[in-house]
Amino acid sequence: MNTQALLQRPVLTLNRRWQAIQTTPAANAIALVAKGAALIIDPDTCAEYTLHSWADVSRTQRALEAGVLRSPLLTLIVPEVIRLTRYESMGGRAIVFSRRNLFKRDGYACQYCGVRPGTEELTVDHVLPKSRGGRSEWINCVLACPRCNARKANRTPQEAGMRLRRAPAKPHWTAVELGLRGQRRVSWRQFLSRAYWEVELEP
């Protein structure tokens, strides 16, 4: 891959609290690190590096990496994740509560048993039934297969003796948008899932 293409590679940007907020081209990411406004994150260890300490790592690993930038002064493996050192805002816009986004959030799977029967079979289940005051909103709606939907009926999961695989929560727009853009890298998974998808139920 040529230098220009490497400099345009998307880099996942985390805020100071390790929350994913956007992607930025590698050239911008490296500039932020050079100014001291960000640190490079090793996705495998979550260790943080300045530009010069990352250059030391790059020198030892460059024979194993395809994405390497070289200059007379530095050899750098193109970073995949950076963390801003001061910025805390989540940024972005609120995600629209829609059927499409609900399917995306729940991974096209029943949130009770985990099966993926296809979009035609999945239904939107209200955790607290609408007939009992439950609202159509992120924290009260999940995908359910026909079998689980029939079993739960007009009851709460607790009343039906069922357990949700994860608590329904409003996703952050960047998590959804990154997936839709097709930019998501394997190394980003833990940073996205840690913040948005692994919300545990209270016992």
N, C-alpha and C. Protein backbone atom coordinates (compact mmCIF):
# COMPACT_ATOMS: atom_id res chain seq x y z
N MET A 1 0.85 -1.19 0.00
CA MET A 1 0.00 0.00 0.00
C MET A 1 0.89 1.24 0.00
N ASN A 2 0.56 2.23 -0.86
CA ASN A 2 1.42 3.42 -0.93
C ASN A 2 1.19 4.35 0.26
N THR A 3 2.10 5.29 0.41
CA THR A 3 2.08 6.18 1.58
C THR A 3 0.78 6.97 1.67
N GLN A 4 0.29 7.49 0.54
CA GLN A 4 -0.93 8.29 0.56
C GLN A 4 -2.11 7.47 1.05
N ALA A 5 -2.20 6.24 0.59
CA ALA A 5 -3.30 5.37 1.03
C ALA A 5 -3.18 5.06 2.52
N LEU A 6 -1.97 4.83 3.00
CA LEU A 6 -1.77 4.57 4.43
C LEU A 6 -2.20 5.76 5.27
N LEU A 7 -1.90 6.96 4.80
CA LEU A 7 -2.24 8.17 5.55
C LEU A 7 -3.74 8.42 5.60
N GLN A 8 -4.49 7.79 4.70
CA GLN A 8 -5.95 7.95 4.69
C GLN A 8 -6.68 6.83 5.43
N ARG A 9 -5.94 5.86 5.92
CA ARG A 9 -6.58 4.77 6.67
C ARG A 9 -7.37 5.33 7.85
N PRO A 10 -8.60 4.84 8.09
CA PRO A 10 -9.36 5.32 9.26
C PRO A 10 -8.77 4.82 10.57
N VAL A 11 -8.67 5.71 11.52
CA VAL A 11 -8.17 5.39 12.86
C VAL A 11 -9.29 5.66 13.85
N LEU A 12 -9.62 4.70 14.68
CA LEU A 12 -10.66 4.90 15.69
C LEU A 12 -10.16 5.88 16.74
N THR A 13 -10.97 6.89 17.02
CA THR A 13 -10.60 7.92 17.99
C THR A 13 -11.46 7.78 19.24
N LEU A 14 -10.81 7.64 20.39
CA LEU A 14 -11.49 7.56 21.67
C LEU A 14 -11.34 8.89 22.40
N ASN A 15 -12.33 9.23 23.20
CA ASN A 15 -12.17 10.43 24.02
C ASN A 15 -11.33 10.08 25.26
N ARG A 16 -11.19 11.05 26.14
CA ARG A 16 -10.32 10.85 27.31
C ARG A 16 -10.80 9.69 28.20
N ARG A 17 -12.11 9.42 28.14
CA ARG A 17 -12.70 8.36 28.96
C ARG A 17 -12.78 7.02 28.23
N TRP A 18 -12.03 6.88 27.14
CA TRP A 18 -11.96 5.63 26.37
C TRP A 18 -13.26 5.30 25.66
N GLN A 19 -14.05 6.30 25.32
CA GLN A 19 -15.29 6.08 24.58
C GLN A 19 -15.06 6.45 23.12
N ALA A 20 -15.48 5.56 22.20
CA ALA A 20 -15.30 5.82 20.77
C ALA A 20 -16.18 6.98 20.34
N ILE A 21 -15.59 7.96 19.64
CA ILE A 21 -16.36 9.12 19.21
C ILE A 21 -16.37 9.33 17.71
N GLN A 22 -15.37 8.82 16.99
CA GLN A 22 -15.31 9.04 15.55
C GLN A 22 -14.14 8.27 14.96
N THR A 23 -14.02 8.34 13.64
CA THR A 23 -12.79 7.90 13.00
C THR A 23 -12.13 9.13 12.38
N THR A 24 -10.83 9.04 12.21
CA THR A 24 -10.09 10.14 11.59
C THR A 24 -9.00 9.53 10.71
N PRO A 25 -8.62 10.17 9.61
CA PRO A 25 -7.54 9.63 8.78
C PRO A 25 -6.25 9.51 9.59
N ALA A 26 -5.44 8.53 9.23
CA ALA A 26 -4.19 8.29 9.95
C ALA A 26 -3.31 9.53 10.01
N ALA A 27 -3.31 10.32 8.94
CA ALA A 27 -2.49 11.55 8.93
C ALA A 27 -2.91 12.48 10.06
N ASN A 28 -4.22 12.63 10.26
CA ASN A 28 -4.71 13.49 11.34
C ASN A 28 -4.39 12.89 12.71
N ALA A 29 -4.54 11.57 12.81
CA ALA A 29 -4.27 10.89 14.08
C ALA A 29 -2.82 11.09 14.49
N ILE A 30 -1.91 10.90 13.54
CA ILE A 30 -0.48 11.06 13.84
C ILE A 30 -0.17 12.50 14.22
N ALA A 31 -0.82 13.46 13.56
CA ALA A 31 -0.62 14.87 13.89
C ALA A 31 -1.08 15.17 15.32
N LEU A 32 -2.21 14.59 15.72
CA LEU A 32 -2.71 14.80 17.08
C LEU A 32 -1.73 14.23 18.11
N VAL A 33 -1.18 13.06 17.82
CA VAL A 33 -0.21 12.44 18.73
C VAL A 33 1.07 13.28 18.79
N ALA A 34 1.51 13.78 17.63
CA ALA A 34 2.72 14.60 17.58
C ALA A 34 2.57 15.88 18.42
N LYS A 35 1.34 16.43 18.45
CA LYS A 35 1.08 17.65 19.23
C LYS A 35 0.88 17.37 20.72
N GLY A 36 0.81 16.10 21.09
CA GLY A 36 0.55 15.76 22.49
C GLY A 36 -0.92 15.77 22.85
N ALA A 37 -1.79 15.87 21.85
CA ALA A 37 -3.24 15.91 22.11
C ALA A 37 -3.85 14.51 22.15
N ALA A 38 -3.06 13.48 21.79
CA ALA A 38 -3.57 12.11 21.79
C ALA A 38 -2.41 11.15 22.03
N LEU A 39 -2.77 9.93 22.38
CA LEU A 39 -1.81 8.85 22.55
C LEU A 39 -2.23 7.70 21.65
N ILE A 40 -1.27 6.95 21.15
CA ILE A 40 -1.57 5.77 20.33
C ILE A 40 -1.84 4.61 21.27
N ILE A 41 -2.91 3.86 20.98
CA ILE A 41 -3.30 2.71 21.79
C ILE A 41 -2.94 1.43 21.05
N ASP A 42 -2.26 0.53 21.73
CA ASP A 42 -2.04 -0.81 21.17
C ASP A 42 -3.31 -1.60 21.43
N PRO A 43 -4.05 -2.01 20.38
CA PRO A 43 -5.34 -2.69 20.59
C PRO A 43 -5.21 -4.02 21.33
N ASP A 44 -4.06 -4.66 21.26
CA ASP A 44 -3.90 -5.95 21.92
C ASP A 44 -3.69 -5.82 23.42
N THR A 45 -2.97 -4.79 23.83
CA THR A 45 -2.62 -4.65 25.25
C THR A 45 -3.27 -3.44 25.92
N CYS A 46 -3.81 -2.53 25.12
CA CYS A 46 -4.35 -1.24 25.59
C CYS A 46 -3.26 -0.33 26.16
N ALA A 47 -2.01 -0.67 25.90
CA ALA A 47 -0.90 0.20 26.33
C ALA A 47 -0.93 1.48 25.49
N GLU A 48 -0.48 2.58 26.10
CA GLU A 48 -0.50 3.88 25.44
C GLU A 48 0.92 4.31 25.08
N TYR A 49 1.03 4.97 23.92
CA TYR A 49 2.34 5.37 23.42
C TYR A 49 2.33 6.80 22.89
N THR A 50 3.43 7.49 23.12
CA THR A 50 3.67 8.75 22.45
C THR A 50 4.19 8.43 21.04
N LEU A 51 4.42 9.45 20.25
CA LEU A 51 4.91 9.21 18.89
C LEU A 51 6.28 8.52 18.91
N HIS A 52 7.16 8.96 19.80
CA HIS A 52 8.52 8.39 19.82
C HIS A 52 8.54 6.99 20.42
N SER A 53 7.72 6.75 21.44
CA SER A 53 7.71 5.39 21.99
C SER A 53 7.04 4.42 21.02
N TRP A 54 6.07 4.91 20.22
CA TRP A 54 5.46 4.08 19.19
C TRP A 54 6.46 3.79 18.07
N ALA A 55 7.32 4.75 17.79
CA ALA A 55 8.38 4.54 16.79
C ALA A 55 9.32 3.43 17.24
N ASP A 56 9.61 3.36 18.55
CA ASP A 56 10.44 2.28 19.07
C ASP A 56 9.78 0.92 18.85
N VAL A 57 8.47 0.86 19.13
CA VAL A 57 7.72 -0.39 18.90
C VAL A 57 7.72 -0.73 17.41
N SER A 58 7.52 0.28 16.59
CA SER A 58 7.46 0.07 15.14
C SER A 58 8.77 -0.49 14.59
N ARG A 59 9.88 -0.04 15.12
CA ARG A 59 11.18 -0.52 14.63
C ARG A 59 11.35 -2.01 14.88
N THR A 60 10.83 -2.48 16.01
CA THR A 60 10.98 -3.90 16.34
C THR A 60 9.99 -4.78 15.60
N GLN A 61 8.87 -4.20 15.15
CA GLN A 61 7.82 -5.01 14.52
C GLN A 61 7.67 -4.76 13.02
N ARG A 62 8.41 -3.85 12.45
CA ARG A 62 8.13 -3.43 11.08
C ARG A 62 8.23 -4.57 10.06
N ALA A 63 9.05 -5.59 10.36
CA ALA A 63 9.17 -6.69 9.41
C ALA A 63 7.89 -7.51 9.35
N LEU A 64 7.05 -7.40 10.41
CA LEU A 64 5.82 -8.18 10.47
C LEU A 64 4.62 -7.40 9.99
N GLU A 65 4.76 -6.12 9.75
CA GLU A 65 3.63 -5.26 9.44
C GLU A 65 3.68 -4.78 8.00
N ALA A 66 2.48 -4.73 7.39
CA ALA A 66 2.39 -4.20 6.02
C ALA A 66 2.21 -2.69 6.03
N GLY A 67 1.51 -2.16 7.03
CA GLY A 67 1.20 -0.74 7.07
C GLY A 67 2.23 0.06 7.81
N VAL A 68 3.37 0.30 7.18
CA VAL A 68 4.46 1.03 7.83
C VAL A 68 4.77 2.30 7.04
N LEU A 69 4.86 3.42 7.77
CA LEU A 69 5.27 4.69 7.19
C LEU A 69 6.74 4.93 7.52
N ARG A 70 7.51 5.38 6.53
CA ARG A 70 8.93 5.62 6.77
C ARG A 70 9.30 7.04 6.37
N SER A 71 10.10 7.68 7.21
CA SER A 71 10.66 8.99 6.89
C SER A 71 12.12 8.95 7.32
N PRO A 72 12.88 9.98 6.98
CA PRO A 72 14.29 9.98 7.42
C PRO A 72 14.44 9.93 8.93
N LEU A 73 13.42 10.40 9.67
CA LEU A 73 13.53 10.46 11.12
C LEU A 73 12.80 9.34 11.85
N LEU A 74 11.67 8.86 11.28
CA LEU A 74 10.83 7.90 12.00
C LEU A 74 10.35 6.78 11.10
N THR A 75 10.17 5.61 11.69
CA THR A 75 9.46 4.50 11.07
C THR A 75 8.26 4.22 11.96
N LEU A 76 7.06 4.30 11.40
CA LEU A 76 5.84 4.15 12.19
C LEU A 76 4.91 3.13 11.58
N ILE A 77 4.44 2.18 12.41
CA ILE A 77 3.30 1.37 12.02
C ILE A 77 2.08 2.28 12.12
N VAL A 78 1.23 2.29 11.08
CA VAL A 78 0.05 3.15 11.10
C VAL A 78 -0.84 2.74 12.28
N PRO A 79 -1.14 3.67 13.18
CA PRO A 79 -1.97 3.31 14.34
C PRO A 79 -3.40 2.96 13.91
N GLU A 80 -4.05 2.14 14.71
CA GLU A 80 -5.45 1.79 14.46
C GLU A 80 -6.39 2.44 15.44
N VAL A 81 -5.85 2.80 16.63
CA VAL A 81 -6.66 3.43 17.68
C VAL A 81 -5.83 4.51 18.35
N ILE A 82 -6.45 5.66 18.60
CA ILE A 82 -5.81 6.70 19.43
C ILE A 82 -6.79 7.13 20.51
N ARG A 83 -6.24 7.71 21.59
CA ARG A 83 -7.08 8.25 22.66
C ARG A 83 -6.71 9.71 22.88
N LEU A 84 -7.71 10.56 22.81
CA LEU A 84 -7.48 11.98 23.07
C LEU A 84 -7.19 12.18 24.55
N THR A 85 -6.28 13.07 24.86
CA THR A 85 -5.86 13.23 26.26
C THR A 85 -6.69 14.24 27.05
N ARG A 86 -7.46 15.08 26.35
CA ARG A 86 -8.24 16.09 27.07
C ARG A 86 -9.72 16.08 26.73
N TYR A 87 -10.11 15.66 25.56
CA TYR A 87 -11.49 15.78 25.09
C TYR A 87 -12.38 14.71 25.71
N GLU A 88 -13.49 15.12 26.33
CA GLU A 88 -14.39 14.18 27.02
C GLU A 88 -15.73 14.01 26.32
N SER A 89 -16.14 14.95 25.50
CA SER A 89 -17.48 14.89 24.91
C SER A 89 -17.65 13.65 24.06
N MET A 90 -18.89 13.14 24.01
CA MET A 90 -19.20 12.02 23.14
C MET A 90 -19.38 12.47 21.70
N GLY A 91 -19.71 13.75 21.50
CA GLY A 91 -19.85 14.27 20.15
C GLY A 91 -21.00 13.61 19.40
N GLY A 92 -21.11 13.96 18.13
CA GLY A 92 -22.09 13.30 17.27
C GLY A 92 -23.53 13.72 17.54
N ARG A 93 -24.44 12.99 16.93
CA ARG A 93 -25.85 13.30 17.04
C ARG A 93 -26.59 12.11 17.64
N ALA A 94 -27.79 12.37 18.15
CA ALA A 94 -28.57 11.30 18.73
C ALA A 94 -29.00 10.32 17.65
N ILE A 95 -28.96 9.04 17.96
CA ILE A 95 -29.37 8.02 17.00
C ILE A 95 -30.89 7.91 16.98
N VAL A 96 -31.46 7.81 15.81
CA VAL A 96 -32.92 7.72 15.66
C VAL A 96 -33.38 6.34 16.12
N PHE A 97 -34.45 6.32 16.89
CA PHE A 97 -35.04 5.05 17.30
C PHE A 97 -35.88 4.53 16.15
N SER A 98 -35.37 3.55 15.43
CA SER A 98 -36.07 3.01 14.27
C SER A 98 -35.88 1.50 14.24
N ARG A 99 -36.71 0.83 13.46
CA ARG A 99 -36.61 -0.61 13.34
C ARG A 99 -35.22 -1.01 12.83
N ARG A 100 -34.73 -0.31 11.81
CA ARG A 100 -33.42 -0.62 11.24
C ARG A 100 -32.32 -0.53 12.30
N ASN A 101 -32.33 0.55 13.08
CA ASN A 101 -31.28 0.73 14.09
C ASN A 101 -31.43 -0.24 15.25
N LEU A 102 -32.67 -0.62 15.56
CA LEU A 102 -32.90 -1.62 16.61
C LEU A 102 -32.34 -2.97 16.19
N PHE A 103 -32.56 -3.34 14.92
CA PHE A 103 -32.00 -4.59 14.41
C PHE A 103 -30.47 -4.55 14.46
N LYS A 104 -29.91 -3.41 14.11
CA LYS A 104 -28.46 -3.26 14.15
C LYS A 104 -27.93 -3.39 15.57
N ARG A 105 -28.59 -2.73 16.51
CA ARG A 105 -28.14 -2.79 17.90
C ARG A 105 -28.16 -4.22 18.43
N ASP A 106 -29.23 -4.96 18.12
CA ASP A 106 -29.41 -6.31 18.67
C ASP A 106 -28.76 -7.39 17.82
N GLY A 107 -28.02 -7.00 16.78
CA GLY A 107 -27.28 -7.97 16.00
C GLY A 107 -28.16 -8.97 15.25
N TYR A 108 -29.40 -8.57 14.92
CA TYR A 108 -30.32 -9.42 14.18
C TYR A 108 -30.58 -10.75 14.90
N ALA A 109 -30.57 -10.69 16.23
CA ALA A 109 -30.74 -11.92 17.03
C ALA A 109 -31.81 -11.71 18.09
N CYS A 110 -32.52 -12.78 18.42
CA CYS A 110 -33.48 -12.76 19.53
C CYS A 110 -32.72 -12.48 20.81
N GLN A 111 -33.19 -11.53 21.59
CA GLN A 111 -32.49 -11.15 22.81
C GLN A 111 -32.83 -12.01 24.01
N TYR A 112 -33.66 -13.05 23.75
CA TYR A 112 -33.96 -14.01 24.81
C TYR A 112 -33.20 -15.33 24.60
N CYS A 113 -33.23 -15.86 23.39
CA CYS A 113 -32.59 -17.16 23.15
C CYS A 113 -31.37 -17.08 22.24
N GLY A 114 -31.20 -15.96 21.54
CA GLY A 114 -30.01 -15.77 20.72
C GLY A 114 -30.11 -16.27 19.29
N VAL A 115 -31.23 -16.86 18.88
CA VAL A 115 -31.32 -17.37 17.51
C VAL A 115 -31.43 -16.21 16.52
N ARG A 116 -31.03 -16.48 15.27
CA ARG A 116 -31.11 -15.50 14.20
C ARG A 116 -31.96 -16.09 13.06
N PRO A 117 -33.28 -16.01 13.17
CA PRO A 117 -34.14 -16.64 12.17
C PRO A 117 -34.30 -15.84 10.88
N GLY A 118 -33.76 -14.63 10.86
CA GLY A 118 -33.92 -13.76 9.70
C GLY A 118 -34.83 -12.59 10.03
N THR A 119 -34.68 -11.52 9.28
CA THR A 119 -35.41 -10.29 9.60
C THR A 119 -36.92 -10.46 9.50
N GLU A 120 -37.39 -11.34 8.62
CA GLU A 120 -38.83 -11.51 8.45
C GLU A 120 -39.47 -12.16 9.67
N GLU A 121 -38.70 -12.96 10.39
CA GLU A 121 -39.24 -13.69 11.54
C GLU A 121 -39.14 -12.91 12.85
N LEU A 122 -38.15 -12.05 12.95
CA LEU A 122 -37.95 -11.33 14.21
C LEU A 122 -39.02 -10.26 14.41
N THR A 123 -39.41 -10.09 15.66
CA THR A 123 -40.39 -9.07 16.01
C THR A 123 -39.80 -8.14 17.06
N VAL A 124 -40.41 -6.99 17.23
CA VAL A 124 -39.99 -6.04 18.26
C VAL A 124 -40.84 -6.31 19.50
N ASP A 125 -40.17 -6.71 20.57
CA ASP A 125 -40.86 -7.01 21.82
C ASP A 125 -40.69 -5.85 22.80
N HIS A 126 -41.77 -5.49 23.47
CA HIS A 126 -41.71 -4.48 24.53
C HIS A 126 -41.48 -5.21 25.86
N VAL A 127 -40.35 -4.91 26.50
CA VAL A 127 -40.00 -5.58 27.75
C VAL A 127 -41.13 -5.40 28.76
N LEU A 128 -41.55 -4.17 28.99
CA LEU A 128 -42.79 -3.90 29.71
C LEU A 128 -43.85 -3.72 28.64
N PRO A 129 -44.84 -4.62 28.55
CA PRO A 129 -45.82 -4.57 27.46
C PRO A 129 -46.49 -3.20 27.32
N LYS A 130 -46.77 -2.85 26.06
CA LYS A 130 -47.44 -1.57 25.79
C LYS A 130 -48.77 -1.48 26.52
N SER A 131 -49.47 -2.60 26.64
CA SER A 131 -50.78 -2.60 27.30
C SER A 131 -50.67 -2.28 28.79
N ARG A 132 -49.45 -2.33 29.31
CA ARG A 132 -49.22 -2.04 30.73
C ARG A 132 -48.40 -0.78 30.91
N GLY A 133 -48.38 0.04 29.88
CA GLY A 133 -47.71 1.33 29.98
C GLY A 133 -46.30 1.38 29.42
N GLY A 134 -45.83 0.28 28.84
CA GLY A 134 -44.49 0.26 28.27
C GLY A 134 -44.40 1.12 27.02
N ARG A 135 -43.32 1.84 26.88
CA ARG A 135 -43.17 2.75 25.75
C ARG A 135 -42.26 2.17 24.69
N SER A 136 -42.44 2.66 23.46
CA SER A 136 -41.56 2.26 22.36
C SER A 136 -40.32 3.14 22.41
N GLU A 137 -39.29 2.65 23.07
CA GLU A 137 -38.04 3.39 23.23
C GLU A 137 -36.89 2.39 23.40
N TRP A 138 -35.68 2.91 23.27
CA TRP A 138 -34.49 2.05 23.29
C TRP A 138 -34.44 1.13 24.51
N ILE A 139 -34.77 1.66 25.67
CA ILE A 139 -34.59 0.88 26.90
C ILE A 139 -35.74 -0.07 27.18
N ASN A 140 -36.75 -0.09 26.32
CA ASN A 140 -37.89 -0.99 26.55
C ASN A 140 -38.17 -1.91 25.37
N CYS A 141 -37.37 -1.87 24.32
CA CYS A 141 -37.64 -2.68 23.14
C CYS A 141 -36.43 -3.57 22.80
N VAL A 142 -36.73 -4.80 22.46
CA VAL A 142 -35.70 -5.75 22.03
C VAL A 142 -36.26 -6.61 20.91
N LEU A 143 -35.36 -7.27 20.17
CA LEU A 143 -35.80 -8.22 19.15
C LEU A 143 -36.12 -9.55 19.81
N ALA A 144 -37.17 -10.21 19.29
CA ALA A 144 -37.56 -11.53 19.80
C ALA A 144 -38.00 -12.42 18.65
N CYS A 145 -37.67 -13.70 18.75
CA CYS A 145 -38.13 -14.66 17.76
C CYS A 145 -39.58 -15.01 18.06
N PRO A 146 -40.31 -15.61 17.12
CA PRO A 146 -41.73 -15.93 17.35
C PRO A 146 -41.95 -16.80 18.59
N ARG A 147 -41.05 -17.79 18.80
CA ARG A 147 -41.23 -18.68 19.94
C ARG A 147 -41.13 -17.94 21.27
N CYS A 148 -40.09 -17.11 21.40
CA CYS A 148 -39.91 -16.36 22.66
C CYS A 148 -41.00 -15.31 22.83
N ASN A 149 -41.41 -14.69 21.72
CA ASN A 149 -42.46 -13.69 21.79
C ASN A 149 -43.75 -14.31 22.30
N ALA A 150 -44.08 -15.50 21.79
CA ALA A 150 -45.30 -16.18 22.23
C ALA A 150 -45.20 -16.62 23.69
N ARG A 151 -44.02 -17.09 24.08
CA ARG A 151 -43.83 -17.52 25.46
C ARG A 151 -43.95 -16.36 26.44
N LYS A 152 -43.38 -15.22 26.08
CA LYS A 152 -43.43 -14.06 26.98
C LYS A 152 -44.83 -13.47 27.04
N ALA A 153 -45.48 -13.40 25.88
CA ALA A 153 -46.85 -12.88 25.78
C ALA A 153 -46.95 -11.50 26.42
N ASN A 154 -48.01 -11.28 27.20
CA ASN A 154 -48.27 -9.95 27.78
C ASN A 154 -47.71 -9.86 29.20
N ARG A 155 -46.45 -10.33 29.35
CA ARG A 155 -45.82 -10.33 30.66
C ARG A 155 -44.44 -9.69 30.59
N THR A 156 -43.87 -9.40 31.72
CA THR A 156 -42.48 -8.96 31.75
C THR A 156 -41.61 -10.21 31.66
N PRO A 157 -40.34 -10.08 31.34
CA PRO A 157 -39.46 -11.26 31.32
C PRO A 157 -39.43 -11.99 32.66
N GLN A 158 -39.41 -11.24 33.74
CA GLN A 158 -39.39 -11.86 35.07
C GLN A 158 -40.65 -12.69 35.30
N GLU A 159 -41.78 -12.14 34.94
CA GLU A 159 -43.04 -12.88 35.12
C GLU A 159 -43.09 -14.13 34.26
N ALA A 160 -42.45 -14.08 33.09
CA ALA A 160 -42.45 -15.23 32.18
C ALA A 160 -41.31 -16.20 32.47
N GLY A 161 -40.49 -15.89 33.46
CA GLY A 161 -39.35 -16.75 33.78
C GLY A 161 -38.29 -16.74 32.69
N MET A 162 -38.13 -15.58 32.03
CA MET A 162 -37.16 -15.45 30.94
C MET A 162 -36.12 -14.41 31.32
N ARG A 163 -34.96 -14.51 30.69
CA ARG A 163 -33.88 -13.56 30.99
C ARG A 163 -33.34 -12.98 29.69
N LEU A 164 -33.22 -11.68 29.67
CA LEU A 164 -32.61 -11.01 28.52
C LEU A 164 -31.12 -11.29 28.48
N ARG A 165 -30.60 -11.42 27.29
CA ARG A 165 -29.16 -11.67 27.13
C ARG A 165 -28.35 -10.43 27.49
N ARG A 166 -28.90 -9.26 27.28
CA ARG A 166 -28.27 -8.01 27.70
C ARG A 166 -29.37 -6.96 27.88
N ALA A 167 -29.10 -6.01 28.73
CA ALA A 167 -30.08 -4.97 28.99
C ALA A 167 -30.24 -4.07 27.76
N PRO A 168 -31.46 -3.77 27.36
CA PRO A 168 -31.62 -2.85 26.22
C PRO A 168 -31.15 -1.45 26.59
N ALA A 169 -30.34 -0.86 25.74
CA ALA A 169 -29.78 0.47 26.00
C ALA A 169 -29.71 1.25 24.70
N LYS A 170 -29.70 2.54 24.82
CA LYS A 170 -29.57 3.41 23.64
C LYS A 170 -28.13 3.35 23.15
N PRO A 171 -27.93 2.94 21.89
CA PRO A 171 -26.55 2.90 21.39
C PRO A 171 -26.07 4.30 21.05
N HIS A 172 -24.76 4.49 21.09
CA HIS A 172 -24.21 5.76 20.64
C HIS A 172 -24.15 5.75 19.13
N TRP A 173 -24.39 6.89 18.50
CA TRP A 173 -24.47 6.94 17.03
C TRP A 173 -23.21 6.45 16.35
N THR A 174 -22.02 6.67 16.95
CA THR A 174 -20.80 6.28 16.25
C THR A 174 -20.70 4.77 16.11
N ALA A 175 -21.18 4.04 17.11
CA ALA A 175 -21.10 2.59 17.02
C ALA A 175 -21.90 2.08 15.84
N VAL A 176 -23.09 2.65 15.63
CA VAL A 176 -23.93 2.23 14.52
C VAL A 176 -23.36 2.72 13.20
N GLU A 177 -22.98 3.99 13.16
CA GLU A 177 -22.49 4.56 11.91
C GLU A 177 -21.21 3.89 11.43
N LEU A 178 -20.32 3.56 12.36
CA LEU A 178 -19.08 2.90 11.95
C LEU A 178 -19.37 1.56 11.29
N GLY A 179 -20.35 0.84 11.84
CA GLY A 179 -20.71 -0.44 11.25
C GLY A 179 -21.32 -0.27 9.87
N LEU A 180 -22.17 0.75 9.70
CA LEU A 180 -22.83 0.96 8.42
C LEU A 180 -21.84 1.41 7.35
N ARG A 181 -20.82 2.13 7.74
CA ARG A 181 -19.85 2.61 6.76
C ARG A 181 -18.90 1.52 6.28
N GLY A 182 -18.90 0.38 6.95
CA GLY A 182 -18.00 -0.69 6.56
C GLY A 182 -16.55 -0.42 6.91
N GLN A 183 -16.31 0.50 7.84
CA GLN A 183 -14.94 0.84 8.22
C GLN A 183 -14.46 0.04 9.42
N ARG A 184 -15.33 -0.68 10.05
CA ARG A 184 -14.98 -1.32 11.31
C ARG A 184 -13.84 -2.32 11.13
N ARG A 185 -12.85 -2.22 12.01
CA ARG A 185 -11.69 -3.12 11.99
C ARG A 185 -11.79 -4.07 13.19
N VAL A 186 -11.20 -5.23 13.06
CA VAL A 186 -11.23 -6.21 14.15
C VAL A 186 -10.65 -5.61 15.42
N SER A 187 -9.61 -4.80 15.29
CA SER A 187 -8.94 -4.23 16.47
C SER A 187 -9.81 -3.22 17.21
N TRP A 188 -10.89 -2.74 16.56
CA TRP A 188 -11.77 -1.78 17.23
C TRP A 188 -12.83 -2.45 18.09
N ARG A 189 -13.05 -3.74 17.87
CA ARG A 189 -14.22 -4.40 18.45
C ARG A 189 -14.33 -4.21 19.95
N GLN A 190 -13.22 -4.42 20.66
CA GLN A 190 -13.30 -4.34 22.12
C GLN A 190 -13.65 -2.94 22.60
N PHE A 191 -13.21 -1.91 21.87
CA PHE A 191 -13.48 -0.54 22.31
C PHE A 191 -14.94 -0.17 22.07
N LEU A 192 -15.54 -0.70 21.02
CA LEU A 192 -16.95 -0.45 20.75
C LEU A 192 -17.82 -1.30 21.66
N SER A 193 -17.51 -2.59 21.79
CA SER A 193 -18.36 -3.47 22.58
C SER A 193 -18.28 -3.14 24.06
N ARG A 194 -17.11 -2.77 24.52
CA ARG A 194 -16.95 -2.45 25.94
C ARG A 194 -17.85 -1.29 26.33
N ALA A 195 -17.97 -0.32 25.45
CA ALA A 195 -18.73 0.89 25.79
C ALA A 195 -20.22 0.76 25.53
N TYR A 196 -20.61 0.02 24.49
CA TYR A 196 -22.00 0.09 24.04
C TYR A 196 -22.81 -1.19 24.08
N TRP A 197 -22.14 -2.35 23.97
CA TRP A 197 -22.91 -3.56 23.77
C TRP A 197 -22.93 -4.48 24.98
N GLU A 198 -21.97 -4.36 25.90
CA GLU A 198 -21.88 -5.28 27.01
C GLU A 198 -22.46 -4.68 28.28
N VAL A 199 -23.70 -4.26 28.22
CA VAL A 199 -24.38 -3.70 29.39
C VAL A 199 -25.08 -4.85 30.10
N GLU A 200 -24.64 -5.17 31.30
CA GLU A 200 -25.19 -6.31 32.02
C GLU A 200 -26.47 -5.96 32.76
N LEU A 201 -27.35 -6.95 32.87
CA LEU A 201 -28.56 -6.78 33.66
C LEU A 201 -28.22 -6.80 35.15
N GLU A 202 -29.01 -6.07 35.91
CA GLU A 202 -28.88 -6.17 37.36
C GLU A 202 -29.41 -7.55 37.79
N PRO A 203 -28.78 -8.19 38.76
CA PRO A 203 -29.25 -9.51 39.20
C PRO A 203 -30.60 -9.41 39.89
